[in-house]
Each structure stands twice: as C-alpha cells, then as structure tokens.
C-alpha cells in the first residue's frame, strides 16, 4: 500500500517518509551481537525513508564489513538503494568471491549515472577522542548521527578518571 502525505503542516526541507516525522530521535537498544546493525542499516538505506546529507557514526566496532560497505558506498556517491542491494545479494556476491568494496568501486566507475543526486557526507569516529563538539554540526545540514554505547562508555570512563 502506498502512503501519501496528508499533513496540513508546512512543507519543510526534510523529506522523510510520510510515516516519519521531519525531526526524529530514536534508540535501538540490545546486548552485543543481538542484531542491532540490521535494523540500523535498513533504516539508513531504504530509499526515501530518511532524508539526510551528513551521516556521523560513532563506535568501536566500525571495522565490521557492514560499516565498511556503508562507508565505501557513500564515498562512491552511490544511491542508498544500490548499497542496500549489495546487502540483499550478499550470498551471491560472497559465492563469486568478489570483495564488496571492489564491487562498489567498479559500479561507481562503470556507470556514472548510478551516482546519487544527493551526496551524503559520511564520517566515522572510532575513538572517543575523535568525537567532534556538537557545535560543529551545522543546523543548515540534514544531520543523522548514530552513536554506539561502547564509545560513550569509553568517553564517560575517561571523564571519571
């Protein structure tokens, strides 16, 4: 079923899915290895769900393949849907022995028309020392921030010392 935006509110510069508010805060909570990455990636990569220009991801587990693919896909300026299709076709890609980052590069080089109309700036922070001051985030940009608790705990412990 297609959802239509029936809101009487003013049109804003954010174009999230009509079922989502223009400004959104949320939590995905669970113990380690319970599957928090899957809904996070689905929310980020579903075309026309979240409208953002700058993605900041904070955490100590960013070495995982999912985050490497996410980062490389946005660096290559590929559309969210194309990056999502890599995850959906993971078994076939792995079966062929193709490294996902090489596939993303090849897709970007071979077909410039695949490039996203909206470039998403993607920043990853693996150390609490690298976390920027919130004042550095411009309200002019459509910012999306993901914070993983292991990094927050690292910074909190540093402050307690």
C-alpha atoms as a PDB file:
ATOM      1  CA  UNK A   1       0.000   0.000   0.000  1.00  0.00           C
ATOM      2  CA  UNK A   2       1.345   3.414  -0.940  1.00  0.00           C
ATOM      3  CA  UNK A   3       1.344   6.002   1.856  1.00  0.00           C
ATOM      4  CA  UNK A   4       0.507   9.586   0.895  1.00  0.00           C
ATOM      5  CA  UNK A   5       1.484  12.653   2.850  1.00  0.00           C
ATOM      6  CA  UNK A   6      -1.819  14.105   4.043  1.00  0.00           C
ATOM      7  CA  UNK A   7      -0.320  16.546   6.531  1.00  0.00           C
ATOM      8  CA  UNK A   8      -1.547  20.135   6.726  1.00  0.00           C
ATOM      9  CA  UNK A   9       1.818  21.218   8.117  1.00  0.00           C
ATOM     10  CA  UNK A  10       4.117  23.475   6.146  1.00  0.00           C
ATOM     11  CA  UNK A  11       6.384  21.842   3.628  1.00  0.00           C
ATOM     12  CA  UNK A  12       9.868  21.543   5.137  1.00  0.00           C
ATOM     13  CA  UNK A  13      13.268  20.960   3.637  1.00  0.00           C
ATOM     14  CA  UNK A  14      13.372  17.452   5.084  1.00  0.00           C
ATOM     15  CA  UNK A  15      11.678  14.813   3.047  1.00  0.00           C
ATOM     16  CA  UNK A  16      11.500  11.806   5.331  1.00  0.00           C
ATOM     17  CA  UNK A  17       8.971   9.116   4.549  1.00  0.00           C
ATOM     18  CA  UNK A  18       5.424  10.383   5.301  1.00  0.00           C
ATOM     19  CA  UNK A  19       5.156   7.927   8.200  1.00  0.00           C
ATOM     20  CA  UNK A  20       8.212   9.510   9.858  1.00  0.00           C
ATOM     21  CA  UNK A  21       8.364  12.950  11.475  1.00  0.00           C
ATOM     22  CA  UNK A  22      10.564  15.656   9.944  1.00  0.00           C
ATOM     23  CA  UNK A  23      12.771  15.540  13.042  1.00  0.00           C
ATOM     24  CA  UNK A  24      13.468  12.163  14.529  1.00  0.00           C
ATOM     25  CA  UNK A  25      15.233  10.759  17.578  1.00  0.00           C
ATOM     26  CA  UNK A  26      15.299   7.108  18.416  1.00  0.00           C
ATOM     27  CA  UNK A  27      17.123   4.285  20.097  1.00  0.00           C
ATOM     28  CA  UNK A  28      17.922   0.770  19.048  1.00  0.00           C
ATOM     29  CA  UNK A  29      18.926  -0.997  22.229  1.00  0.00           C
ATOM     30  CA  UNK A  30      20.161  -4.518  22.828  1.00  0.00           C
ATOM     31  CA  UNK A  31      23.022  -6.592  24.081  1.00  0.00           C
ATOM     32  CA  UNK A  32      26.086  -7.219  21.993  1.00  0.00           C
ATOM     33  CA  UNK A  33      25.530  -9.390  18.893  1.00  0.00           C
ATOM     34  CA  UNK A  34      21.727  -9.310  19.155  1.00  0.00           C
ATOM     35  CA  UNK A  35      21.217  -7.823  15.665  1.00  0.00           C
ATOM     36  CA  UNK A  36      21.042  -4.044  16.157  1.00  0.00           C
ATOM     37  CA  UNK A  37      23.019  -3.454  12.952  1.00  0.00           C
ATOM     38  CA  UNK A  38      20.324  -4.973  10.711  1.00  0.00           C
ATOM     39  CA  UNK A  39      17.503  -2.543  11.569  1.00  0.00           C
ATOM     40  CA  UNK A  40      20.000   0.337  11.635  1.00  0.00           C
ATOM     41  CA  UNK A  41      21.148  -0.378   8.080  1.00  0.00           C
ATOM     42  CA  UNK A  42      17.575  -0.900   6.899  1.00  0.00           C
ATOM     43  CA  UNK A  43      16.531   2.493   8.262  1.00  0.00           C
ATOM     44  CA  UNK A  44      19.585   4.202   6.739  1.00  0.00           C
ATOM     45  CA  UNK A  45      19.434   2.583   3.313  1.00  0.00           C
ATOM     46  CA  UNK A  46      15.735   2.305   2.488  1.00  0.00           C
ATOM     47  CA  UNK A  47      15.252   4.770  -0.366  1.00  0.00           C
ATOM     48  CA  UNK A  48      13.041   7.733   0.566  1.00  0.00           C
ATOM     49  CA  UNK A  49      12.881   6.884   4.280  1.00  0.00           C
ATOM     50  CA  UNK A  50      15.332   9.297   5.893  1.00  0.00           C
ATOM     51  CA  UNK A  51      16.476  12.466   4.180  1.00  0.00           C
ATOM     52  CA  UNK A  52      19.992  13.317   5.338  1.00  0.00           C
ATOM     53  CA  UNK A  53      23.122  14.935   3.937  1.00  0.00           C
ATOM     54  CA  UNK A  54      25.617  14.174   6.672  1.00  0.00           C
ATOM     55  CA  UNK A  55      25.968  10.853   8.469  1.00  0.00           C
ATOM     56  CA  UNK A  56      28.135  10.583  11.576  1.00  0.00           C
ATOM     57  CA  UNK A  57      28.702   7.144  13.048  1.00  0.00           C
ATOM     58  CA  UNK A  58      30.433   6.706  16.394  1.00  0.00           C
ATOM     59  CA  UNK A  59      31.590   3.340  17.734  1.00  0.00           C
ATOM     60  CA  UNK A  60      34.421   0.910  18.294  1.00  0.00           C
ATOM     61  CA  UNK A  61      33.001  -1.842  16.062  1.00  0.00           C
ATOM     62  CA  UNK A  62      33.225   0.082  12.773  1.00  0.00           C
ATOM     63  CA  UNK A  63      35.746  -2.439  11.411  1.00  0.00           C
ATOM     64  CA  UNK A  64      32.819  -4.762  10.658  1.00  0.00           C
ATOM     65  CA  UNK A  65      32.120  -5.379   6.947  1.00  0.00           C
ATOM     66  CA  UNK A  66      28.674  -3.769   7.130  1.00  0.00           C
ATOM     67  CA  UNK A  67      30.126  -0.411   8.132  1.00  0.00           C
ATOM     68  CA  UNK A  68      32.948  -0.654   5.588  1.00  0.00           C
ATOM     69  CA  UNK A  69      30.364  -1.240   2.826  1.00  0.00           C
ATOM     70  CA  UNK A  70      28.204   1.627   4.084  1.00  0.00           C
ATOM     71  CA  UNK A  71      31.167   3.998   4.178  1.00  0.00           C
ATOM     72  CA  UNK A  72      32.501   2.972   0.752  1.00  0.00           C
ATOM     73  CA  UNK A  73      29.054   3.182  -0.851  1.00  0.00           C
ATOM     74  CA  UNK A  74      28.538   6.739   0.339  1.00  0.00           C
ATOM     75  CA  UNK A  75      32.128   7.696  -0.593  1.00  0.00           C
ATOM     76  CA  UNK A  76      31.426   6.450  -4.126  1.00  0.00           C
ATOM     77  CA  UNK A  77      28.209   8.555  -4.094  1.00  0.00           C
ATOM     78  CA  UNK A  78      26.031   5.570  -4.878  1.00  0.00           C
ATOM     79  CA  UNK A  79      22.285   5.696  -4.201  1.00  0.00           C
ATOM     80  CA  UNK A  80      21.042   4.139  -0.979  1.00  0.00           C
ATOM     81  CA  UNK A  81      19.012   1.549  -2.883  1.00  0.00           C
ATOM     82  CA  UNK A  82      22.082   0.302  -4.733  1.00  0.00           C
ATOM     83  CA  UNK A  83      24.052  -0.036  -1.498  1.00  0.00           C
ATOM     84  CA  UNK A  84      21.065  -1.869   0.001  1.00  0.00           C
ATOM     85  CA  UNK A  85      21.039  -4.289  -2.949  1.00  0.00           C
ATOM     86  CA  UNK A  86      24.605  -5.303  -2.071  1.00  0.00           C
ATOM     87  CA  UNK A  87      23.396  -6.460   1.332  1.00  0.00           C
ATOM     88  CA  UNK A  88      20.373  -8.183  -0.213  1.00  0.00           C
ATOM     89  CA  UNK A  89      22.634 -10.080  -2.653  1.00  0.00           C
ATOM     90  CA  UNK A  90      25.332 -10.844  -0.096  1.00  0.00           C
ATOM     91  CA  UNK A  91      25.234 -14.634  -0.617  1.00  0.00           C
ATOM     92  CA  UNK A  92      25.699 -14.405  -4.385  1.00  0.00           C
ATOM     93  CA  UNK A  93      28.486 -11.822  -4.073  1.00  0.00           C
ATOM     94  CA  UNK A  94      30.313 -13.896  -1.473  1.00  0.00           C
ATOM     95  CA  UNK A  95      29.796 -17.024  -3.610  1.00  0.00           C
ATOM     96  CA  UNK A  96      31.574 -15.308  -6.500  1.00  0.00           C
ATOM     97  CA  UNK A  97      34.417 -14.266  -4.181  1.00  0.00           C
ATOM     98  CA  UNK A  98      34.043 -10.591  -5.072  1.00  0.00           C
ATOM     99  CA  UNK A  99      35.146  -8.152  -2.351  1.00  0.00           C
ATOM    100  CA  UNK A 100      32.227  -5.730  -1.735  1.00  0.00           C
ATOM    101  CA  UNK A 101      34.444  -2.624  -1.757  1.00  0.00           C
ATOM    102  CA  UNK A 102      35.866  -3.603  -5.153  1.00  0.00           C
ATOM    103  CA  UNK A 103      32.339  -4.150  -6.442  1.00  0.00           C
ATOM    104  CA  UNK A 104      31.268  -0.717  -5.180  1.00  0.00           C
ATOM    105  CA  UNK A 105      34.259   0.916  -6.907  1.00  0.00           C
ATOM    106  CA  UNK A 106      33.527  -0.907 -10.145  1.00  0.00           C
ATOM    107  CA  UNK A 107      29.846   0.071 -10.036  1.00  0.00           C
ATOM    108  CA  UNK A 108      30.825   3.682  -9.497  1.00  0.00           C
ATOM    109  CA  UNK A 109      33.418   3.728 -12.306  1.00  0.00           C
ATOM    110  CA  UNK A 110      31.474   1.767 -14.878  1.00  0.00           C
ATOM    111  CA  UNK A 111      28.246   3.663 -14.593  1.00  0.00           C
ATOM    112  CA  UNK A 112      28.403   7.323 -13.595  1.00  0.00           C
ATOM    113  CA  UNK A 113      24.633   7.651 -13.947  1.00  0.00           C
ATOM    114  CA  UNK A 114      24.263   5.439 -10.873  1.00  0.00           C
ATOM    115  CA  UNK A 115      25.684   8.200  -8.724  1.00  0.00           C
ATOM    116  CA  UNK A 116      23.248   9.609  -6.229  1.00  0.00           C
ATOM    117  CA  UNK A 117      21.760  13.034  -6.865  1.00  0.00           C
ATOM    118  CA  UNK A 118      22.317  13.843  -3.213  1.00  0.00           C
ATOM    119  CA  UNK A 119      25.829  13.308  -1.970  1.00  0.00           C
ATOM    120  CA  UNK A 120      25.951  12.068   1.614  1.00  0.00           C
ATOM    121  CA  UNK A 121      28.985  13.051   3.641  1.00  0.00           C
ATOM    122  CA  UNK A 122      29.871  10.109   5.843  1.00  0.00           C
ATOM    123  CA  UNK A 123      32.165  10.375   8.890  1.00  0.00           C
ATOM    124  CA  UNK A 124      33.143   7.506  11.163  1.00  0.00           C
ATOM    125  CA  UNK A 125      34.645   8.000  14.613  1.00  0.00           C
ATOM    126  CA  UNK A 126      36.182   5.010  16.393  1.00  0.00           C
ATOM    127  CA  UNK A 127      37.733   6.785  19.359  1.00  0.00           C
ATOM    128  CA  UNK A 128      36.101   8.969  21.980  1.00  0.00           C
ATOM    129  CA  UNK A 129      38.947  11.433  21.437  1.00  0.00           C
ATOM    130  CA  UNK A 130      37.795  11.955  17.836  1.00  0.00           C
ATOM    131  CA  UNK A 131      34.186  12.803  18.705  1.00  0.00           C
ATOM    132  CA  UNK A 132      33.553  16.373  17.499  1.00  0.00           C
ATOM    133  CA  UNK A 133      31.817  19.027  19.539  1.00  0.00           C
ATOM    134  CA  UNK A 134      28.112  19.192  18.719  1.00  0.00           C
ATOM    135  CA  UNK A 135      28.582  22.878  17.898  1.00  0.00           C
ATOM    136  CA  UNK A 136      30.471  21.734  14.791  1.00  0.00           C
ATOM    137  CA  UNK A 137      27.265  20.267  13.332  1.00  0.00           C
ATOM    138  CA  UNK A 138      25.571  22.884  11.195  1.00  0.00           C
ATOM    139  CA  UNK A 139      21.791  23.155  11.544  1.00  0.00           C
ATOM    140  CA  UNK A 140      21.797  24.043   7.829  1.00  0.00           C
ATOM    141  CA  UNK A 141      22.651  20.422   7.003  1.00  0.00           C
ATOM    142  CA  UNK A 142      20.352  17.463   7.382  1.00  0.00           C
ATOM    143  CA  UNK A 143      22.387  15.627  10.023  1.00  0.00           C
ATOM    144  CA  UNK A 144      21.963  11.997  11.030  1.00  0.00           C
ATOM    145  CA  UNK A 145      24.016  10.683  13.918  1.00  0.00           C
ATOM    146  CA  UNK A 146      24.418   7.113  15.127  1.00  0.00           C
ATOM    147  CA  UNK A 147      26.158   6.573  18.461  1.00  0.00           C
ATOM    148  CA  UNK A 148      27.103   3.193  19.841  1.00  0.00           C
ATOM    149  CA  UNK A 149      27.179   2.905  23.613  1.00  0.00           C
ATOM    150  CA  UNK A 150      30.622   1.319  23.804  1.00  0.00           C
ATOM    151  CA  UNK A 151      32.143   4.583  22.624  1.00  0.00           C
ATOM    152  CA  UNK A 152      30.048   6.653  25.005  1.00  0.00           C
ATOM    153  CA  UNK A 153      31.164   4.477  27.903  1.00  0.00           C
ATOM    154  CA  UNK A 154      34.782   4.949  26.829  1.00  0.00           C
ATOM    155  CA  UNK A 155      34.428   8.736  26.965  1.00  0.00           C
ATOM    156  CA  UNK A 156      32.454   8.607  30.236  1.00  0.00           C
ATOM    157  CA  UNK A 157      35.158   6.484  31.878  1.00  0.00           C
ATOM    158  CA  UNK A 158      37.782   8.949  30.669  1.00  0.00           C
ATOM    159  CA  UNK A 159      35.862  11.812  32.290  1.00  0.00           C
ATOM    160  CA  UNK A 160      35.597   9.917  35.583  1.00  0.00           C
ATOM    161  CA  UNK A 161      39.365   9.420  35.778  1.00  0.00           C
END
